[in-house]
């Protein structure tokens, strides 16, 4: 019975506000994910869509794709996008790492955002962290020359780990990033943690060739 429901079969029809790839096993073509030569930004793990929608509203000249694995969240964000009439925002239901490594076209993304991912604090779980050298290589590949990768966490050890990984990778330039550098809405996680007195650690990288 579940397999016959329209939102649980592949390929399946897209919900309004959703991006469903024609093929999950090849790189997408740029026209599939953005219009003309407009800047494209990717929000990995978009959650409830707060950051995604505020960015799309602030920058109507750019296209935005939020990546989220959980179907319930995807449905909610799609409804919010449709209700707000945001024609420059979509949601892709997949694992973030899979999207970066296997679906995003080369040199297609202007900015890629990874905000407050699971820090996997136990040493034995560090291999599960998304900030690994092969992930950074995939990030660089999908970014346009001069494109930026923005990472944020409240976990200081994970931040230091990530800085060390970027340094070891050696193909990004570290840029200044403060709260006043540019418009950057806060996620619900960030608001919650700051209310608890926690600090946010920011890492902004630019692709260099």
C-alpha atoms as a PDB file:
ATOM      1  CA  UNK A   1       0.000   0.000   0.000  1.00  0.00           C
ATOM      2  CA  UNK A   2       2.773   2.466   0.916  1.00  0.00           C
ATOM      3  CA  UNK A   3       4.559   1.900  -2.396  1.00  0.00           C
ATOM      4  CA  UNK A   4       1.492   3.076  -4.356  1.00  0.00           C
ATOM      5  CA  UNK A   5       1.241   6.431  -2.614  1.00  0.00           C
ATOM      6  CA  UNK A   6       2.389   9.212  -4.995  1.00  0.00           C
ATOM      7  CA  UNK A   7       4.968  10.727  -2.614  1.00  0.00           C
ATOM      8  CA  UNK A   8       6.614   7.390  -1.756  1.00  0.00           C
ATOM      9  CA  UNK A   9       7.484   6.031  -5.212  1.00  0.00           C
ATOM     10  CA  UNK A  10      10.340   6.962  -7.537  1.00  0.00           C
ATOM     11  CA  UNK A  11      10.164   8.786  -9.781  1.00  0.00           C
ATOM     12  CA  UNK A  12       7.288  10.599  -8.128  1.00  0.00           C
ATOM     13  CA  UNK A  13       5.497  13.893  -8.780  1.00  0.00           C
ATOM     14  CA  UNK A  14       7.027  16.896  -7.079  1.00  0.00           C
ATOM     15  CA  UNK A  15       5.077  18.786  -4.460  1.00  0.00           C
ATOM     16  CA  UNK A  16       4.751  22.529  -5.086  1.00  0.00           C
ATOM     17  CA  UNK A  17       8.058  24.012  -3.977  1.00  0.00           C
ATOM     18  CA  UNK A  18       9.922  20.692  -4.248  1.00  0.00           C
ATOM     19  CA  UNK A  19      12.746  19.703  -6.582  1.00  0.00           C
ATOM     20  CA  UNK A  20      12.687  16.056  -7.674  1.00  0.00           C
ATOM     21  CA  UNK A  21      15.618  15.025  -9.907  1.00  0.00           C
ATOM     22  CA  UNK A  22      14.823  13.200 -13.128  1.00  0.00           C
ATOM     23  CA  UNK A  23      17.638  10.781 -12.286  1.00  0.00           C
ATOM     24  CA  UNK A  24      19.090  10.232  -8.805  1.00  0.00           C
ATOM     25  CA  UNK A  25      22.168   8.476 -10.205  1.00  0.00           C
ATOM     26  CA  UNK A  26      23.781  11.160 -12.367  1.00  0.00           C
ATOM     27  CA  UNK A  27      24.940  14.748 -12.014  1.00  0.00           C
ATOM     28  CA  UNK A  28      22.088  17.162 -12.617  1.00  0.00           C
ATOM     29  CA  UNK A  29      22.361  19.684 -15.414  1.00  0.00           C
ATOM     30  CA  UNK A  30      22.506  23.320 -14.354  1.00  0.00           C
ATOM     31  CA  UNK A  31      19.169  24.201 -16.063  1.00  0.00           C
ATOM     32  CA  UNK A  32      17.500  21.597 -13.831  1.00  0.00           C
ATOM     33  CA  UNK A  33      18.356  23.487 -10.657  1.00  0.00           C
ATOM     34  CA  UNK A  34      18.491  27.197 -11.510  1.00  0.00           C
ATOM     35  CA  UNK A  35      17.348  29.683 -14.108  1.00  0.00           C
ATOM     36  CA  UNK A  36      19.580  31.335 -16.684  1.00  0.00           C
ATOM     37  CA  UNK A  37      22.866  32.424 -15.101  1.00  0.00           C
ATOM     38  CA  UNK A  38      21.412  33.390 -11.737  1.00  0.00           C
ATOM     39  CA  UNK A  39      23.546  32.749  -8.628  1.00  0.00           C
ATOM     40  CA  UNK A  40      22.629  29.477  -6.938  1.00  0.00           C
ATOM     41  CA  UNK A  41      22.871  28.895  -3.178  1.00  0.00           C
ATOM     42  CA  UNK A  42      22.470  25.542  -1.407  1.00  0.00           C
ATOM     43  CA  UNK A  43      21.334  25.167   2.230  1.00  0.00           C
ATOM     44  CA  UNK A  44      22.389  21.728   3.464  1.00  0.00           C
ATOM     45  CA  UNK A  45      20.055  20.395   6.150  1.00  0.00           C
ATOM     46  CA  UNK A  46      17.499  23.182   5.859  1.00  0.00           C
ATOM     47  CA  UNK A  47      15.331  21.924   8.743  1.00  0.00           C
ATOM     48  CA  UNK A  48      12.197  24.019   9.110  1.00  0.00           C
ATOM     49  CA  UNK A  49      13.278  26.304   6.239  1.00  0.00           C
ATOM     50  CA  UNK A  50      13.588  29.518   8.232  1.00  0.00           C
ATOM     51  CA  UNK A  51      17.061  30.406   6.928  1.00  0.00           C
ATOM     52  CA  UNK A  52      16.209  29.272   3.390  1.00  0.00           C
ATOM     53  CA  UNK A  53      13.060  31.395   3.114  1.00  0.00           C
ATOM     54  CA  UNK A  54      14.561  34.522   4.654  1.00  0.00           C
ATOM     55  CA  UNK A  55      17.483  34.335   2.246  1.00  0.00           C
ATOM     56  CA  UNK A  56      15.167  33.793  -0.732  1.00  0.00           C
ATOM     57  CA  UNK A  57      13.028  36.753   0.280  1.00  0.00           C
ATOM     58  CA  UNK A  58      16.061  39.009   0.798  1.00  0.00           C
ATOM     59  CA  UNK A  59      17.678  38.009  -2.508  1.00  0.00           C
ATOM     60  CA  UNK A  60      15.027  37.582  -5.223  1.00  0.00           C
ATOM     61  CA  UNK A  61      17.784  37.765  -7.853  1.00  0.00           C
ATOM     62  CA  UNK A  62      19.281  34.461  -6.609  1.00  0.00           C
ATOM     63  CA  UNK A  63      17.994  30.870  -6.620  1.00  0.00           C
ATOM     64  CA  UNK A  64      18.007  28.737  -3.459  1.00  0.00           C
ATOM     65  CA  UNK A  65      17.751  25.007  -2.841  1.00  0.00           C
ATOM     66  CA  UNK A  66      17.287  23.597   0.637  1.00  0.00           C
ATOM     67  CA  UNK A  67      18.375  19.982   1.155  1.00  0.00           C
ATOM     68  CA  UNK A  68      16.530  17.996   3.809  1.00  0.00           C
ATOM     69  CA  UNK A  69      16.325  14.250   4.407  1.00  0.00           C
ATOM     70  CA  UNK A  70      13.119  14.005   6.478  1.00  0.00           C
ATOM     71  CA  UNK A  71       9.894  13.905   4.451  1.00  0.00           C
ATOM     72  CA  UNK A  72       7.801  15.589   7.145  1.00  0.00           C
ATOM     73  CA  UNK A  73      10.107  18.606   7.191  1.00  0.00           C
ATOM     74  CA  UNK A  74      10.212  18.729   3.400  1.00  0.00           C
ATOM     75  CA  UNK A  75       6.428  18.838   3.210  1.00  0.00           C
ATOM     76  CA  UNK A  76       6.225  21.639   5.768  1.00  0.00           C
ATOM     77  CA  UNK A  77       8.891  23.745   4.062  1.00  0.00           C
ATOM     78  CA  UNK A  78       7.277  23.229   0.644  1.00  0.00           C
ATOM     79  CA  UNK A  79       3.966  24.466   2.041  1.00  0.00           C
ATOM     80  CA  UNK A  80       5.672  27.552   3.517  1.00  0.00           C
ATOM     81  CA  UNK A  81       7.464  28.315   0.247  1.00  0.00           C
ATOM     82  CA  UNK A  82       4.201  28.032  -1.696  1.00  0.00           C
ATOM     83  CA  UNK A  83       2.250  30.110   0.831  1.00  0.00           C
ATOM     84  CA  UNK A  84       4.857  32.909   0.665  1.00  0.00           C
ATOM     85  CA  UNK A  85       5.027  32.810  -3.117  1.00  0.00           C
ATOM     86  CA  UNK A  86       8.804  32.335  -3.173  1.00  0.00           C
ATOM     87  CA  UNK A  87       9.516  31.383  -6.762  1.00  0.00           C
ATOM     88  CA  UNK A  88      13.287  31.299  -6.179  1.00  0.00           C
ATOM     89  CA  UNK A  89      13.289  28.596  -3.475  1.00  0.00           C
ATOM     90  CA  UNK A  90      12.930  24.810  -3.672  1.00  0.00           C
ATOM     91  CA  UNK A  91      13.508  21.819  -1.400  1.00  0.00           C
ATOM     92  CA  UNK A  92      15.323  18.634  -2.370  1.00  0.00           C
ATOM     93  CA  UNK A  93      14.640  15.572  -0.221  1.00  0.00           C
ATOM     94  CA  UNK A  94      17.951  13.730   0.042  1.00  0.00           C
ATOM     95  CA  UNK A  95      20.981  13.266   2.252  1.00  0.00           C
ATOM     96  CA  UNK A  96      23.152  16.395   2.137  1.00  0.00           C
ATOM     97  CA  UNK A  97      26.403  14.579   1.520  1.00  0.00           C
ATOM     98  CA  UNK A  98      24.925  12.564  -1.345  1.00  0.00           C
ATOM     99  CA  UNK A  99      23.693  15.742  -3.018  1.00  0.00           C
ATOM    100  CA  UNK A 100      27.091  17.424  -2.825  1.00  0.00           C
ATOM    101  CA  UNK A 101      29.091  14.386  -3.892  1.00  0.00           C
ATOM    102  CA  UNK A 102      26.821  12.921  -6.581  1.00  0.00           C
ATOM    103  CA  UNK A 103      24.142  15.324  -7.850  1.00  0.00           C
ATOM    104  CA  UNK A 104      25.333  18.948  -7.950  1.00  0.00           C
ATOM    105  CA  UNK A 105      26.892  19.915 -11.311  1.00  0.00           C
ATOM    106  CA  UNK A 106      30.491  21.049 -11.400  1.00  0.00           C
ATOM    107  CA  UNK A 107      31.097  24.796 -10.978  1.00  0.00           C
ATOM    108  CA  UNK A 108      27.382  25.497 -10.482  1.00  0.00           C
ATOM    109  CA  UNK A 109      27.021  26.834  -6.911  1.00  0.00           C
ATOM    110  CA  UNK A 110      27.791  30.375  -5.773  1.00  0.00           C
ATOM    111  CA  UNK A 111      27.467  29.723  -2.051  1.00  0.00           C
ATOM    112  CA  UNK A 112      26.969  26.516  -0.084  1.00  0.00           C
ATOM    113  CA  UNK A 113      25.760  26.715   3.538  1.00  0.00           C
ATOM    114  CA  UNK A 114      26.272  24.053   6.230  1.00  0.00           C
ATOM    115  CA  UNK A 115      24.744  25.381   9.444  1.00  0.00           C
ATOM    116  CA  UNK A 116      24.756  23.633  12.799  1.00  0.00           C
ATOM    117  CA  UNK A 117      25.282  20.016  11.664  1.00  0.00           C
ATOM    118  CA  UNK A 118      25.480  17.184  14.174  1.00  0.00           C
ATOM    119  CA  UNK A 119      28.939  17.516  15.802  1.00  0.00           C
ATOM    120  CA  UNK A 120      29.180  13.811  16.719  1.00  0.00           C
ATOM    121  CA  UNK A 121      31.177  14.735  19.842  1.00  0.00           C
ATOM    122  CA  UNK A 122      32.366  11.242  20.846  1.00  0.00           C
ATOM    123  CA  UNK A 123      35.764  10.384  19.385  1.00  0.00           C
ATOM    124  CA  UNK A 124      34.569   7.032  18.064  1.00  0.00           C
ATOM    125  CA  UNK A 125      31.905   8.861  16.038  1.00  0.00           C
ATOM    126  CA  UNK A 126      34.189  11.465  14.444  1.00  0.00           C
ATOM    127  CA  UNK A 127      34.221   9.471  11.209  1.00  0.00           C
ATOM    128  CA  UNK A 128      30.510  10.318  10.853  1.00  0.00           C
ATOM    129  CA  UNK A 129      31.188  14.043  10.724  1.00  0.00           C
ATOM    130  CA  UNK A 130      30.418  15.559   7.359  1.00  0.00           C
ATOM    131  CA  UNK A 131      33.543  17.756   7.404  1.00  0.00           C
ATOM    132  CA  UNK A 132      35.957  15.261   5.876  1.00  0.00           C
ATOM    133  CA  UNK A 133      38.560  15.735   3.133  1.00  0.00           C
ATOM    134  CA  UNK A 134      36.529  13.932   0.463  1.00  0.00           C
ATOM    135  CA  UNK A 135      33.506  16.089   1.306  1.00  0.00           C
ATOM    136  CA  UNK A 136      35.602  19.262   0.994  1.00  0.00           C
ATOM    137  CA  UNK A 137      36.824  18.096  -2.418  1.00  0.00           C
ATOM    138  CA  UNK A 138      33.200  17.627  -3.526  1.00  0.00           C
ATOM    139  CA  UNK A 139      32.287  21.052  -2.154  1.00  0.00           C
ATOM    140  CA  UNK A 140      35.095  22.673  -4.123  1.00  0.00           C
ATOM    141  CA  UNK A 141      34.066  20.828  -7.287  1.00  0.00           C
ATOM    142  CA  UNK A 142      30.461  22.041  -7.170  1.00  0.00           C
ATOM    143  CA  UNK A 143      31.410  25.650  -6.331  1.00  0.00           C
ATOM    144  CA  UNK A 144      32.008  28.183  -9.042  1.00  0.00           C
ATOM    145  CA  UNK A 145      35.512  29.713  -9.140  1.00  0.00           C
ATOM    146  CA  UNK A 146      35.422  32.233  -6.305  1.00  0.00           C
ATOM    147  CA  UNK A 147      32.366  30.532  -4.800  1.00  0.00           C
ATOM    148  CA  UNK A 148      32.034  30.298  -1.020  1.00  0.00           C
ATOM    149  CA  UNK A 149      31.432  27.556   1.523  1.00  0.00           C
ATOM    150  CA  UNK A 150      30.005  28.768   4.856  1.00  0.00           C
ATOM    151  CA  UNK A 151      30.047  26.538   7.940  1.00  0.00           C
ATOM    152  CA  UNK A 152      28.661  27.364  11.390  1.00  0.00           C
ATOM    153  CA  UNK A 153      28.541  25.433  14.665  1.00  0.00           C
ATOM    154  CA  UNK A 154      28.183  26.050  18.399  1.00  0.00           C
ATOM    155  CA  UNK A 155      30.572  23.171  19.133  1.00  0.00           C
ATOM    156  CA  UNK A 156      34.077  24.583  19.558  1.00  0.00           C
ATOM    157  CA  UNK A 157      35.936  21.283  19.192  1.00  0.00           C
ATOM    158  CA  UNK A 158      34.056  20.531  15.966  1.00  0.00           C
ATOM    159  CA  UNK A 159      34.923  24.015  14.721  1.00  0.00           C
ATOM    160  CA  UNK A 160      38.621  23.444  15.438  1.00  0.00           C
ATOM    161  CA  UNK A 161      38.405  20.038  13.744  1.00  0.00           C
ATOM    162  CA  UNK A 162      36.853  21.690  10.669  1.00  0.00           C
ATOM    163  CA  UNK A 163      39.473  24.434  10.527  1.00  0.00           C
ATOM    164  CA  UNK A 164      42.170  21.755  10.624  1.00  0.00           C
ATOM    165  CA  UNK A 165      40.463  19.786   7.835  1.00  0.00           C
ATOM    166  CA  UNK A 166      40.214  22.885   5.618  1.00  0.00           C
ATOM    167  CA  UNK A 167      43.869  23.679   6.271  1.00  0.00           C
ATOM    168  CA  UNK A 168      44.895  20.106   5.431  1.00  0.00           C
ATOM    169  CA  UNK A 169      42.839  20.218   2.247  1.00  0.00           C
ATOM    170  CA  UNK A 170      44.583  23.415   1.195  1.00  0.00           C
ATOM    171  CA  UNK A 171      42.357  24.529  -1.687  1.00  0.00           C
ATOM    172  CA  UNK A 172      40.239  27.142   0.091  1.00  0.00           C
ATOM    173  CA  UNK A 173      41.011  30.686   1.172  1.00  0.00           C
ATOM    174  CA  UNK A 174      39.709  31.563   4.643  1.00  0.00           C
ATOM    175  CA  UNK A 175      37.733  34.826   4.674  1.00  0.00           C
ATOM    176  CA  UNK A 176      36.576  37.083   7.495  1.00  0.00           C
ATOM    177  CA  UNK A 177      33.041  36.442   8.695  1.00  0.00           C
ATOM    178  CA  UNK A 178      31.328  38.346  11.485  1.00  0.00           C
ATOM    179  CA  UNK A 179      27.671  39.010  12.172  1.00  0.00           C
ATOM    180  CA  UNK A 180      27.985  42.321  10.312  1.00  0.00           C
ATOM    181  CA  UNK A 181      29.785  41.028   7.206  1.00  0.00           C
ATOM    182  CA  UNK A 182      26.543  40.554   5.226  1.00  0.00           C
ATOM    183  CA  UNK A 183      22.871  39.711   5.703  1.00  0.00           C
ATOM    184  CA  UNK A 184      22.658  36.275   7.286  1.00  0.00           C
ATOM    185  CA  UNK A 185      19.458  35.192   9.075  1.00  0.00           C
ATOM    186  CA  UNK A 186      19.707  33.086  12.200  1.00  0.00           C
ATOM    187  CA  UNK A 187      18.416  29.530  12.301  1.00  0.00           C
ATOM    188  CA  UNK A 188      16.150  28.368  15.109  1.00  0.00           C
ATOM    189  CA  UNK A 189      19.049  26.299  16.457  1.00  0.00           C
ATOM    190  CA  UNK A 190      21.242  29.388  16.562  1.00  0.00           C
ATOM    191  CA  UNK A 191      18.589  31.468  18.323  1.00  0.00           C
ATOM    192  CA  UNK A 192      18.073  28.699  20.887  1.00  0.00           C
ATOM    193  CA  UNK A 193      21.776  28.253  21.587  1.00  0.00           C
ATOM    194  CA  UNK A 194      22.476  31.984  21.808  1.00  0.00           C
ATOM    195  CA  UNK A 195      19.575  32.291  24.270  1.00  0.00           C
ATOM    196  CA  UNK A 196      21.433  29.718  26.380  1.00  0.00           C
ATOM    197  CA  UNK A 197      24.569  31.849  26.274  1.00  0.00           C
ATOM    198  CA  UNK A 198      26.439  29.717  23.737  1.00  0.00           C
ATOM    199  CA  UNK A 199      28.713  31.217  21.094  1.00  0.00           C
ATOM    200  CA  UNK A 200      28.605  30.466  17.377  1.00  0.00           C
ATOM    201  CA  UNK A 201      31.785  29.626  15.500  1.00  0.00           C
ATOM    202  CA  UNK A 202      31.954  30.609  11.839  1.00  0.00           C
ATOM    203  CA  UNK A 203      34.143  29.373   9.006  1.00  0.00           C
ATOM    204  CA  UNK A 204      33.932  31.049   5.589  1.00  0.00           C
ATOM    205  CA  UNK A 205      35.951  29.565   2.732  1.00  0.00           C
ATOM    206  CA  UNK A 206      36.417  30.658  -0.870  1.00  0.00           C
ATOM    207  CA  UNK A 207      37.376  28.365  -3.732  1.00  0.00           C
ATOM    208  CA  UNK A 208      40.746  29.245  -5.181  1.00  0.00           C
ATOM    209  CA  UNK A 209      42.073  27.848  -8.475  1.00  0.00           C
END
